[in-house]
Amino acid sequence: MNLKHLRYFWAVAHAGSVAAAAGQLHLTPQTVSAQVKLLEDDLGTALFKPAGRGLELTEAGRVALSYADEIFALGHEMVSSLRANALSEQAMTAFRIGVTEAIPKSLTHRLLASLKRAERPIRLVCREGTIDYLLGELALHRLEMVLADRPMPAGLAVRGHSRKLGDSAVAFFAAPELACGRAAFPSCLNAAPLLLPGPNAAVRGEIDRWLGEARLYPRVVGEFDDSALMKVFAQAGDGYFPAPAIISDEICARYGVNEVGQVDEVREAFWLISTERRIQHPEVRAVLEDARRVVFVPQCGGEAAR
């Protein structure tokens, strides 16, 4: 299809007449009319019919206009995006990462702290979503890496490599008024309201298994794909919730909750997924090395990465 013919049709459809469109395009009405006729011949159908002193779209014309609107909107978006990217690249290098919803925001911030020490100016672009969506973006080279709570699933038609950053024991937390006066951990969870990560979180199955083996029967009152939203509900006293023990101090300080106990048998692992077999990207390499050297190190009380 000749996009010039389509643009002339698009202009006439929005202007309501050939003469009005010709004036906007700085062309003669005869030229515009001839170009629209070529498009109609190419499509094998009439796009306009006379209506008073102007033109009216036929049913085929209305269908064509809906597509033309989308085509030219995408074209404008492409030009704007490329121009904006060109200006941005002159100032800073964009570093685009994906983060699965299950990873706590404070841990993500800690894992990306190395970017502040990058040798070149970095403009961080974070995208959040499910692992399948983010791996699709990675395959299309719209992301440099993905931070996830699991390695890349088997069977995906995506070329990628998973590297374990570290892991952490799971701790349980609650607002002070909820935990006050209850039994010691973990018995305090019996019949207590419990907020849990959604079924897409890798650690959810391990928590369910541990509760069953420990013969603990809390009341699950909420499930959350977004770990930050789960903490907000817990802050309001709606229930106990699990989170990585490695960020216990930050969770307690930010949400006004108390850690009630840790479960060393349940560990939550964190992964970096990239398309490189040998990591050459300087920022990806810095995140990996910093996570293993600084973030997942022995903590007070015996917490350690594996």
C-alpha atoms as a PDB file:
ATOM      1  CA  MET A   1       0.000   0.000   0.000  1.00  0.00           C
ATOM      2  CA  ASN A   2       1.201   3.499  -0.863  1.00  0.00           C
ATOM      3  CA  LEU A   3       1.169   5.465   2.401  1.00  0.00           C
ATOM      4  CA  LYS A   4       0.982   8.742   0.473  1.00  0.00           C
ATOM      5  CA  HIS A   5      -2.395   7.697  -0.963  1.00  0.00           C
ATOM      6  CA  LEU A   6      -3.516   6.634   2.516  1.00  0.00           C
ATOM      7  CA  ARG A   7      -2.479   9.983   4.010  1.00  0.00           C
ATOM      8  CA  TYR A   8      -4.478  11.909   1.391  1.00  0.00           C
ATOM      9  CA  PHE A   9      -7.531   9.760   2.141  1.00  0.00           C
ATOM     10  CA  TRP A  10      -6.978  10.322   5.880  1.00  0.00           C
ATOM     11  CA  ALA A  11      -6.782  14.101   5.377  1.00  0.00           C
ATOM     12  CA  VAL A  12      -9.982  14.202   3.282  1.00  0.00           C
ATOM     13  CA  ALA A  13     -11.845  12.027   5.790  1.00  0.00           C
ATOM     14  CA  HIS A  14     -10.999  14.361   8.667  1.00  0.00           C
ATOM     15  CA  ALA A  15     -11.434  17.597   6.684  1.00  0.00           C
ATOM     16  CA  GLY A  16     -14.810  16.546   5.228  1.00  0.00           C
ATOM     17  CA  SER A  17     -14.047  17.603   1.649  1.00  0.00           C
ATOM     18  CA  VAL A  18     -11.336  17.387  -0.990  1.00  0.00           C
ATOM     19  CA  ALA A  19     -11.003  21.168  -1.161  1.00  0.00           C
ATOM     20  CA  ALA A  20     -10.468  21.539   2.584  1.00  0.00           C
ATOM     21  CA  ALA A  21      -7.923  18.717   2.631  1.00  0.00           C
ATOM     22  CA  ALA A  22      -6.103  20.156  -0.391  1.00  0.00           C
ATOM     23  CA  GLY A  23      -5.744  23.462   1.431  1.00  0.00           C
ATOM     24  CA  GLN A  24      -4.232  21.737   4.473  1.00  0.00           C
ATOM     25  CA  LEU A  25      -1.862  19.702   2.308  1.00  0.00           C
ATOM     26  CA  HIS A  26      -0.929  22.694   0.072  1.00  0.00           C
ATOM     27  CA  LEU A  27      -1.940  20.727  -3.019  1.00  0.00           C
ATOM     28  CA  THR A  28      -4.539  21.208  -5.731  1.00  0.00           C
ATOM     29  CA  PRO A  29      -7.919  19.493  -5.239  1.00  0.00           C
ATOM     30  CA  GLN A  30      -7.334  17.589  -8.478  1.00  0.00           C
ATOM     31  CA  THR A  31      -4.116  16.062  -7.128  1.00  0.00           C
ATOM     32  CA  VAL A  32      -5.741  15.003  -3.844  1.00  0.00           C
ATOM     33  CA  SER A  33      -8.786  13.587  -5.597  1.00  0.00           C
ATOM     34  CA  ALA A  34      -6.621  11.584  -8.001  1.00  0.00           C
ATOM     35  CA  GLN A  35      -4.550  10.123  -5.155  1.00  0.00           C
ATOM     36  CA  VAL A  36      -7.669   9.058  -3.235  1.00  0.00           C
ATOM     37  CA  LYS A  37      -9.048   7.457  -6.427  1.00  0.00           C
ATOM     38  CA  LEU A  38      -5.818   5.437  -6.763  1.00  0.00           C
ATOM     39  CA  LEU A  39      -6.274   4.165  -3.218  1.00  0.00           C
ATOM     40  CA  GLU A  40      -9.889   3.186  -3.910  1.00  0.00           C
ATOM     41  CA  ASP A  41      -8.786   1.346  -7.046  1.00  0.00           C
ATOM     42  CA  ASP A  42      -6.080  -0.439  -5.086  1.00  0.00           C
ATOM     43  CA  LEU A  43      -8.567  -1.497  -2.375  1.00  0.00           C
ATOM     44  CA  GLY A  44     -11.310  -2.311  -4.866  1.00  0.00           C
ATOM     45  CA  THR A  45     -13.996  -0.349  -3.043  1.00  0.00           C
ATOM     46  CA  ALA A  46     -15.344   3.210  -2.737  1.00  0.00           C
ATOM     47  CA  LEU A  47     -14.294   5.049   0.423  1.00  0.00           C
ATOM     48  CA  PHE A  48     -16.444   8.182   0.012  1.00  0.00           C
ATOM     49  CA  LYS A  49     -19.908   9.066  -1.253  1.00  0.00           C
ATOM     50  CA  PRO A  50     -21.316  12.554  -1.975  1.00  0.00           C
ATOM     51  CA  ALA A  51     -23.077  14.272   0.926  1.00  0.00           C
ATOM     52  CA  GLY A  52     -24.394  17.746   0.159  1.00  0.00           C
ATOM     53  CA  ARG A  53     -21.442  19.991  -0.689  1.00  0.00           C
ATOM     54  CA  GLY A  54     -18.956  17.604   0.866  1.00  0.00           C
ATOM     55  CA  LEU A  55     -18.157  13.930   1.177  1.00  0.00           C
ATOM     56  CA  GLU A  56     -19.262  11.193   3.540  1.00  0.00           C
ATOM     57  CA  LEU A  57     -17.449   7.996   4.365  1.00  0.00           C
ATOM     58  CA  THR A  58     -18.850   4.716   3.132  1.00  0.00           C
ATOM     59  CA  GLU A  59     -18.880   1.729   5.468  1.00  0.00           C
ATOM     60  CA  ALA A  60     -15.580   0.619   3.910  1.00  0.00           C
ATOM     61  CA  GLY A  61     -14.297   4.175   4.372  1.00  0.00           C
ATOM     62  CA  ARG A  62     -15.088   4.103   8.094  1.00  0.00           C
ATOM     63  CA  VAL A  63     -13.174   0.844   8.475  1.00  0.00           C
ATOM     64  CA  ALA A  64     -10.236   2.239   6.506  1.00  0.00           C
ATOM     65  CA  LEU A  65     -10.219   5.418   8.587  1.00  0.00           C
ATOM     66  CA  SER A  66      -9.998   3.479  11.869  1.00  0.00           C
ATOM     67  CA  TYR A  67      -6.898   1.703  10.574  1.00  0.00           C
ATOM     68  CA  ALA A  68      -5.435   4.887   9.116  1.00  0.00           C
ATOM     69  CA  ASP A  69      -5.867   6.690  12.448  1.00  0.00           C
ATOM     70  CA  GLU A  70      -3.922   3.921  14.176  1.00  0.00           C
ATOM     71  CA  ILE A  71      -1.215   3.777  11.487  1.00  0.00           C
ATOM     72  CA  PHE A  72      -0.491   7.501  11.591  1.00  0.00           C
ATOM     73  CA  ALA A  73      -0.722   7.647  15.390  1.00  0.00           C
ATOM     74  CA  LEU A  74       1.909   4.901  15.573  1.00  0.00           C
ATOM     75  CA  GLY A  75       4.038   6.755  13.040  1.00  0.00           C
ATOM     76  CA  HIS A  76       3.873   9.928  15.122  1.00  0.00           C
ATOM     77  CA  GLU A  77       4.667   7.927  18.265  1.00  0.00           C
ATOM     78  CA  MET A  78       7.666   6.332  16.563  1.00  0.00           C
ATOM     79  CA  VAL A  79       9.090   9.696  15.487  1.00  0.00           C
ATOM     80  CA  SER A  80       8.531  11.229  18.937  1.00  0.00           C
ATOM     81  CA  SER A  81      10.066   8.224  20.676  1.00  0.00           C
ATOM     82  CA  LEU A  82      13.162   8.172  18.457  1.00  0.00           C
ATOM     83  CA  ARG A  83      13.703  11.907  18.831  1.00  0.00           C
ATOM     84  CA  ALA A  84      13.272  11.706  22.607  1.00  0.00           C
ATOM     85  CA  ASN A  85      15.655   8.746  22.788  1.00  0.00           C
ATOM     86  CA  ALA A  86      18.222  10.571  20.695  1.00  0.00           C
ATOM     87  CA  LEU A  87      18.113  13.585  23.020  1.00  0.00           C
ATOM     88  CA  SER A  88      18.223  11.371  26.099  1.00  0.00           C
ATOM     89  CA  GLU A  89      21.156   9.323  24.850  1.00  0.00           C
ATOM     90  CA  GLN A  90      23.149  12.489  24.350  1.00  0.00           C
ATOM     91  CA  ALA A  91      22.761  13.291  28.045  1.00  0.00           C
ATOM     92  CA  MET A  92      22.621   9.900  29.813  1.00  0.00           C
ATOM     93  CA  THR A  93      22.780   6.212  28.987  1.00  0.00           C
ATOM     94  CA  ALA A  94      19.487   4.424  29.653  1.00  0.00           C
ATOM     95  CA  PHE A  95      19.784   1.228  31.691  1.00  0.00           C
ATOM     96  CA  ARG A  96      16.519  -0.688  31.362  1.00  0.00           C
ATOM     97  CA  ILE A  97      15.653  -3.444  33.795  1.00  0.00           C
ATOM     98  CA  GLY A  98      12.623  -5.544  34.591  1.00  0.00           C
ATOM     99  CA  VAL A  99      11.617  -6.469  38.144  1.00  0.00           C
ATOM    100  CA  THR A 100       9.033  -9.114  39.000  1.00  0.00           C
ATOM    101  CA  GLU A 101       6.245  -7.999  41.320  1.00  0.00           C
ATOM    102  CA  ALA A 102       7.265 -10.453  44.059  1.00  0.00           C
ATOM    103  CA  ILE A 103      10.618  -8.785  44.797  1.00  0.00           C
ATOM    104  CA  PRO A 104      10.405  -6.263  47.666  1.00  0.00           C
ATOM    105  CA  LYS A 105      10.983  -2.687  46.571  1.00  0.00           C
ATOM    106  CA  SER A 106      13.587  -2.026  49.254  1.00  0.00           C
ATOM    107  CA  LEU A 107      15.588  -5.076  48.166  1.00  0.00           C
ATOM    108  CA  THR A 108      15.431  -3.914  44.548  1.00  0.00           C
ATOM    109  CA  HIS A 109      16.802  -0.551  45.634  1.00  0.00           C
ATOM    110  CA  ARG A 110      19.608  -2.255  47.521  1.00  0.00           C
ATOM    111  CA  LEU A 111      20.459  -4.509  44.563  1.00  0.00           C
ATOM    112  CA  LEU A 112      20.718  -1.508  42.251  1.00  0.00           C
ATOM    113  CA  ALA A 113      22.836   0.619  44.584  1.00  0.00           C
ATOM    114  CA  SER A 114      25.937  -0.131  42.509  1.00  0.00           C
ATOM    115  CA  LEU A 115      24.526   1.993  39.677  1.00  0.00           C
ATOM    116  CA  LYS A 116      25.181   5.113  41.727  1.00  0.00           C
ATOM    117  CA  ARG A 117      28.892   4.349  41.372  1.00  0.00           C
ATOM    118  CA  ALA A 118      28.788   3.748  37.612  1.00  0.00           C
ATOM    119  CA  GLU A 119      31.563   5.391  35.615  1.00  0.00           C
ATOM    120  CA  ARG A 120      29.113   6.845  33.096  1.00  0.00           C
ATOM    121  CA  PRO A 121      25.869   8.758  33.822  1.00  0.00           C
ATOM    122  CA  ILE A 122      22.966   6.299  34.053  1.00  0.00           C
ATOM    123  CA  ARG A 123      19.262   6.939  33.537  1.00  0.00           C
ATOM    124  CA  LEU A 124      17.544   4.017  35.239  1.00  0.00           C
ATOM    125  CA  VAL A 125      14.377   2.699  33.583  1.00  0.00           C
ATOM    126  CA  CYS A 126      12.486   0.112  35.698  1.00  0.00           C
ATOM    127  CA  ARG A 127       9.639  -2.003  34.369  1.00  0.00           C
ATOM    128  CA  GLU A 128       7.551  -4.212  36.668  1.00  0.00           C
ATOM    129  CA  GLY A 129       5.450  -7.203  35.648  1.00  0.00           C
ATOM    130  CA  THR A 130       5.161 -10.973  35.521  1.00  0.00           C
ATOM    131  CA  ILE A 131       8.247 -12.984  34.679  1.00  0.00           C
ATOM    132  CA  ASP A 132       6.762 -14.155  31.359  1.00  0.00           C
ATOM    133  CA  TYR A 133       6.077 -10.577  30.255  1.00  0.00           C
ATOM    134  CA  LEU A 134       9.514  -9.324  31.335  1.00  0.00           C
ATOM    135  CA  LEU A 135      11.340 -12.188  29.632  1.00  0.00           C
ATOM    136  CA  GLY A 136       9.457 -11.334  26.448  1.00  0.00           C
ATOM    137  CA  GLU A 137      10.708  -7.755  26.744  1.00  0.00           C
ATOM    138  CA  LEU A 138      14.222  -9.084  27.389  1.00  0.00           C
ATOM    139  CA  ALA A 139      14.043 -11.218  24.240  1.00  0.00           C
ATOM    140  CA  LEU A 140      13.061  -8.117  22.241  1.00  0.00           C
ATOM    141  CA  HIS A 141      16.097  -6.258  23.694  1.00  0.00           C
ATOM    142  CA  ARG A 142      13.859  -3.754  25.457  1.00  0.00           C
ATOM    143  CA  LEU A 143      15.521  -4.680  28.754  1.00  0.00           C
ATOM    144  CA  GLU A 144      19.152  -5.279  29.696  1.00  0.00           C
ATOM    145  CA  MET A 145      18.290  -7.657  32.549  1.00  0.00           C
ATOM    146  CA  VAL A 146      15.477  -8.993  34.730  1.00  0.00           C
ATOM    147  CA  LEU A 147      15.480  -9.345  38.530  1.00  0.00           C
ATOM    148  CA  ALA A 148      13.259 -12.259  39.531  1.00  0.00           C
ATOM    149  CA  ASP A 149      12.393 -14.569  42.419  1.00  0.00           C
ATOM    150  CA  ARG A 150      13.064 -17.649  40.260  1.00  0.00           C
ATOM    151  CA  PRO A 151      15.370 -18.673  37.405  1.00  0.00           C
ATOM    152  CA  MET A 152      14.149 -18.533  33.842  1.00  0.00           C
ATOM    153  CA  PRO A 153      11.412 -21.162  33.417  1.00  0.00           C
ATOM    154  CA  ALA A 154      12.238 -24.156  31.239  1.00  0.00           C
ATOM    155  CA  GLY A 155      10.592 -24.479  27.855  1.00  0.00           C
ATOM    156  CA  LEU A 156      10.436 -20.783  26.994  1.00  0.00           C
ATOM    157  CA  ALA A 157      11.534 -19.836  23.490  1.00  0.00           C
ATOM    158  CA  VAL A 158      13.721 -17.100  24.938  1.00  0.00           C
ATOM    159  CA  ARG A 159      17.508 -17.096  24.934  1.00  0.00           C
ATOM    160  CA  GLY A 160      18.609 -16.168  28.422  1.00  0.00           C
ATOM    161  CA  HIS A 161      20.862 -17.124  31.307  1.00  0.00           C
ATOM    162  CA  SER A 162      19.960 -17.137  35.008  1.00  0.00           C
ATOM    163  CA  ARG A 163      22.436 -16.276  37.741  1.00  0.00           C
ATOM    164  CA  LYS A 164      21.620 -16.580  41.418  1.00  0.00           C
ATOM    165  CA  LEU A 165      22.254 -13.386  43.350  1.00  0.00           C
ATOM    166  CA  GLY A 166      21.671 -14.958  46.767  1.00  0.00           C
ATOM    167  CA  ASP A 167      18.926 -16.041  49.124  1.00  0.00           C
ATOM    168  CA  SER A 168      17.435 -15.183  52.491  1.00  0.00           C
ATOM    169  CA  ALA A 169      15.516 -16.904  55.238  1.00  0.00           C
ATOM    170  CA  VAL A 170      11.861 -15.854  55.464  1.00  0.00           C
ATOM    171  CA  ALA A 171      10.722 -13.857  58.487  1.00  0.00           C
ATOM    172  CA  PHE A 172       7.188 -13.103  59.664  1.00  0.00           C
ATOM    173  CA  PHE A 173       6.067  -9.627  60.706  1.00  0.00           C
ATOM    174  CA  ALA A 174       3.008  -8.026  62.295  1.00  0.00           C
ATOM    175  CA  ALA A 175       1.799  -4.695  63.580  1.00  0.00           C
ATOM    176  CA  PRO A 176       2.572  -4.355  67.338  1.00  0.00           C
ATOM    177  CA  GLU A 177      -1.095  -4.302  68.343  1.00  0.00           C
ATOM    178  CA  LEU A 178      -1.762  -7.547  66.445  1.00  0.00           C
ATOM    179  CA  ALA A 179       1.193  -9.474  67.896  1.00  0.00           C
ATOM    180  CA  CYS A 180       0.771  -8.189  71.450  1.00  0.00           C
ATOM    181  CA  GLY A 181      -0.250 -10.874  73.945  1.00  0.00           C
ATOM    182  CA  ARG A 182      -0.112 -13.785  71.507  1.00  0.00           C
ATOM    183  CA  ALA A 183       1.892 -17.001  71.916  1.00  0.00           C
ATOM    184  CA  ALA A 184       5.536 -17.250  70.918  1.00  0.00           C
ATOM    185  CA  PHE A 185       6.461 -17.757  67.270  1.00  0.00           C
ATOM    186  CA  PRO A 186       5.466 -19.835  65.363  1.00  0.00           C
ATOM    187  CA  SER A 187       2.478 -20.841  67.512  1.00  0.00           C
ATOM    188  CA  CYS A 188       1.223 -17.252  67.294  1.00  0.00           C
ATOM    189  CA  LEU A 189       0.260 -17.923  63.677  1.00  0.00           C
ATOM    190  CA  ASN A 190      -2.414 -20.457  64.656  1.00  0.00           C
ATOM    191  CA  ALA A 191      -5.848 -18.981  63.883  1.00  0.00           C
ATOM    192  CA  ALA A 192      -4.176 -15.602  63.234  1.00  0.00           C
ATOM    193  CA  PRO A 193      -4.983 -13.504  60.143  1.00  0.00           C
ATOM    194  CA  LEU A 194      -2.291 -14.053  57.519  1.00  0.00           C
ATOM    195  CA  LEU A 195      -1.381 -12.077  54.397  1.00  0.00           C
ATOM    196  CA  LEU A 196       0.494 -14.065  51.763  1.00  0.00           C
ATOM    197  CA  PRO A 197       2.225 -13.523  48.414  1.00  0.00           C
ATOM    198  CA  GLY A 198       0.101 -14.605  45.444  1.00  0.00           C
ATOM    199  CA  PRO A 199       0.481 -18.043  43.873  1.00  0.00           C
ATOM    200  CA  ASN A 200       2.858 -16.653  41.227  1.00  0.00           C
ATOM    201  CA  ALA A 201       5.518 -15.933  43.880  1.00  0.00           C
ATOM    202  CA  ALA A 202       8.132 -18.698  43.988  1.00  0.00           C
ATOM    203  CA  VAL A 203       8.264 -18.657  47.800  1.00  0.00           C
ATOM    204  CA  ARG A 204       4.505 -19.173  48.217  1.00  0.00           C
ATOM    205  CA  GLY A 205       4.683 -22.947  47.797  1.00  0.00           C
ATOM    206  CA  GLU A 206       7.496 -23.192  50.345  1.00  0.00           C
ATOM    207  CA  ILE A 207       5.502 -21.195  52.901  1.00  0.00           C
ATOM    208  CA  ASP A 208       2.417 -23.369  52.370  1.00  0.00           C
ATOM    209  CA  ARG A 209       4.536 -26.503  52.753  1.00  0.00           C
ATOM    210  CA  TRP A 210       6.137 -25.243  55.978  1.00  0.00           C
ATOM    211  CA  LEU A 211       2.785 -24.281  57.499  1.00  0.00           C
ATOM    212  CA  GLY A 212       1.464 -27.761  56.773  1.00  0.00           C
ATOM    213  CA  GLU A 213       4.522 -29.549  58.160  1.00  0.00           C
ATOM    214  CA  ALA A 214       4.477 -27.369  61.296  1.00  0.00           C
ATOM    215  CA  ARG A 215       0.720 -28.004  61.707  1.00  0.00           C
ATOM    216  CA  LEU A 216      -0.044 -24.308  61.762  1.00  0.00           C
ATOM    217  CA  TYR A 217      -3.491 -23.191  60.625  1.00  0.00           C
ATOM    218  CA  PRO A 218      -3.708 -19.419  60.190  1.00  0.00           C
ATOM    219  CA  ARG A 219      -6.626 -17.654  58.498  1.00  0.00           C
ATOM    220  CA  VAL A 220      -5.440 -16.469  55.089  1.00  0.00           C
ATOM    221  CA  VAL A 221      -7.246 -13.136  54.730  1.00  0.00           C
ATOM    222  CA  GLY A 222      -5.374 -11.754  51.708  1.00  0.00           C
ATOM    223  CA  GLU A 223      -3.122 -12.683  48.790  1.00  0.00           C
ATOM    224  CA  PHE A 224      -1.025 -10.098  46.965  1.00  0.00           C
ATOM    225  CA  ASP A 225       1.049 -10.141  43.789  1.00  0.00           C
ATOM    226  CA  ASP A 226       2.545  -6.797  44.840  1.00  0.00           C
ATOM    227  CA  SER A 227       4.684  -7.247  47.959  1.00  0.00           C
ATOM    228  CA  ALA A 228       4.512  -3.530  48.796  1.00  0.00           C
ATOM    229  CA  LEU A 229       0.710  -3.594  48.840  1.00  0.00           C
ATOM    230  CA  MET A 230       0.779  -6.584  51.193  1.00  0.00           C
ATOM    231  CA  LYS A 231       2.928  -4.587  53.628  1.00  0.00           C
ATOM    232  CA  VAL A 232       0.550  -1.633  53.535  1.00  0.00           C
ATOM    233  CA  PHE A 233      -2.316  -3.906  54.610  1.00  0.00           C
ATOM    234  CA  ALA A 234      -0.132  -5.359  57.366  1.00  0.00           C
ATOM    235  CA  GLN A 235       0.782  -1.869  58.530  1.00  0.00           C
ATOM    236  CA  ALA A 236      -2.924  -1.257  59.126  1.00  0.00           C
ATOM    237  CA  GLY A 237      -3.039  -4.332  61.390  1.00  0.00           C
ATOM    238  CA  ASP A 238      -4.809  -6.628  58.925  1.00  0.00           C
ATOM    239  CA  GLY A 239      -2.546  -9.623  59.429  1.00  0.00           C
ATOM    240  CA  TYR A 240       0.851 -11.241  59.760  1.00  0.00           C
ATOM    241  CA  PHE A 241       2.962 -11.422  56.595  1.00  0.00           C
ATOM    242  CA  PRO A 242       6.223 -13.036  55.387  1.00  0.00           C
ATOM    243  CA  ALA A 243       9.180 -11.237  53.826  1.00  0.00           C
ATOM    244  CA  PRO A 244      12.927 -11.812  53.357  1.00  0.00           C
ATOM    245  CA  ALA A 245      14.738 -11.586  56.694  1.00  0.00           C
ATOM    246  CA  ILE A 246      17.624  -9.815  54.973  1.00  0.00           C
ATOM    247  CA  ILE A 247      15.565  -6.604  54.847  1.00  0.00           C
ATOM    248  CA  SER A 248      13.925  -7.012  58.256  1.00  0.00           C
ATOM    249  CA  ASP A 249      15.278  -3.728  59.670  1.00  0.00           C
ATOM    250  CA  GLU A 250      14.027  -1.738  56.690  1.00  0.00           C
ATOM    251  CA  ILE A 251      10.582  -3.338  56.808  1.00  0.00           C
ATOM    252  CA  CYS A 252      10.170  -2.650  60.526  1.00  0.00           C
ATOM    253  CA  ALA A 253      11.302   0.962  60.202  1.00  0.00           C
ATOM    254  CA  ARG A 254       9.223   1.765  57.109  1.00  0.00           C
ATOM    255  CA  TYR A 255       5.956   0.039  58.003  1.00  0.00           C
ATOM    256  CA  GLY A 256       5.961   0.245  61.802  1.00  0.00           C
ATOM    257  CA  VAL A 257       5.760  -3.542  62.242  1.00  0.00           C
ATOM    258  CA  ASN A 258       7.746  -5.985  64.371  1.00  0.00           C
ATOM    259  CA  GLU A 259       9.555  -9.120  63.297  1.00  0.00           C
ATOM    260  CA  VAL A 260       7.983 -11.996  65.232  1.00  0.00           C
ATOM    261  CA  GLY A 261      10.229 -14.801  64.019  1.00  0.00           C
ATOM    262  CA  GLN A 262      12.328 -16.333  61.251  1.00  0.00           C
ATOM    263  CA  VAL A 263      11.992 -19.636  59.410  1.00  0.00           C
ATOM    264  CA  ASP A 264      15.411 -20.863  58.306  1.00  0.00           C
ATOM    265  CA  GLU A 265      13.850 -23.864  56.528  1.00  0.00           C
ATOM    266  CA  VAL A 266      12.093 -21.538  54.078  1.00  0.00           C
ATOM    267  CA  ARG A 267      14.459 -19.525  51.936  1.00  0.00           C
ATOM    268  CA  GLU A 268      13.623 -17.035  49.224  1.00  0.00           C
ATOM    269  CA  ALA A 269      16.095 -16.862  46.351  1.00  0.00           C
ATOM    270  CA  PHE A 270      16.694 -13.983  43.948  1.00  0.00           C
ATOM    271  CA  TRP A 271      17.980 -14.184  40.393  1.00  0.00           C
ATOM    272  CA  LEU A 272      19.430 -12.032  37.653  1.00  0.00           C
ATOM    273  CA  ILE A 273      18.445 -13.048  34.111  1.00  0.00           C
ATOM    274  CA  SER A 274      20.174 -11.640  31.030  1.00  0.00           C
ATOM    275  CA  THR A 275      20.752 -12.652  27.423  1.00  0.00           C
ATOM    276  CA  GLU A 276      24.543 -12.766  27.779  1.00  0.00           C
ATOM    277  CA  ARG A 277      26.280 -16.094  28.397  1.00  0.00           C
ATOM    278  CA  ARG A 278      29.309 -14.166  29.627  1.00  0.00           C
ATOM    279  CA  ILE A 279      28.242 -10.838  31.039  1.00  0.00           C
ATOM    280  CA  GLN A 280      29.918  -7.980  29.228  1.00  0.00           C
ATOM    281  CA  HIS A 281      27.439  -5.198  30.006  1.00  0.00           C
ATOM    282  CA  PRO A 282      29.191  -3.125  32.712  1.00  0.00           C
ATOM    283  CA  GLU A 283      26.064  -2.241  34.704  1.00  0.00           C
ATOM    284  CA  VAL A 284      24.683  -5.794  34.656  1.00  0.00           C
ATOM    285  CA  ARG A 285      28.055  -7.097  35.814  1.00  0.00           C
ATOM    286  CA  ALA A 286      28.196  -4.473  38.581  1.00  0.00           C
ATOM    287  CA  VAL A 287      24.722  -5.432  39.874  1.00  0.00           C
ATOM    288  CA  LEU A 288      25.659  -9.137  39.937  1.00  0.00           C
ATOM    289  CA  GLU A 289      28.991  -8.629  41.678  1.00  0.00           C
ATOM    290  CA  ASP A 290      27.622  -6.109  44.190  1.00  0.00           C
ATOM    291  CA  ALA A 291      24.722  -8.408  45.123  1.00  0.00           C
ATOM    292  CA  ARG A 292      27.033 -11.328  45.838  1.00  0.00           C
ATOM    293  CA  ARG A 293      29.703  -9.275  47.577  1.00  0.00           C
ATOM    294  CA  VAL A 294      27.679  -6.697  49.523  1.00  0.00           C
ATOM    295  CA  VAL A 295      23.952  -7.478  49.693  1.00  0.00           C
ATOM    296  CA  PHE A 296      23.815 -11.200  50.426  1.00  0.00           C
ATOM    297  CA  VAL A 297      26.417 -11.412  53.189  1.00  0.00           C
ATOM    298  CA  PRO A 298      26.155 -12.822  56.755  1.00  0.00           C
ATOM    299  CA  GLN A 299      23.693 -10.830  58.832  1.00  0.00           C
ATOM    300  CA  CYS A 300      23.193 -10.552  62.575  1.00  0.00           C
ATOM    301  CA  GLY A 301      21.605 -13.717  63.926  1.00  0.00           C
ATOM    302  CA  GLY A 302      23.242 -16.002  61.401  1.00  0.00           C
ATOM    303  CA  GLU A 303      21.482 -14.889  58.218  1.00  0.00           C
ATOM    304  CA  ALA A 304      23.609 -15.791  55.216  1.00  0.00           C
ATOM    305  CA  ALA A 305      23.313 -16.164  51.487  1.00  0.00           C
ATOM    306  CA  ARG A 306      23.808 -19.522  49.839  1.00  0.00           C
END
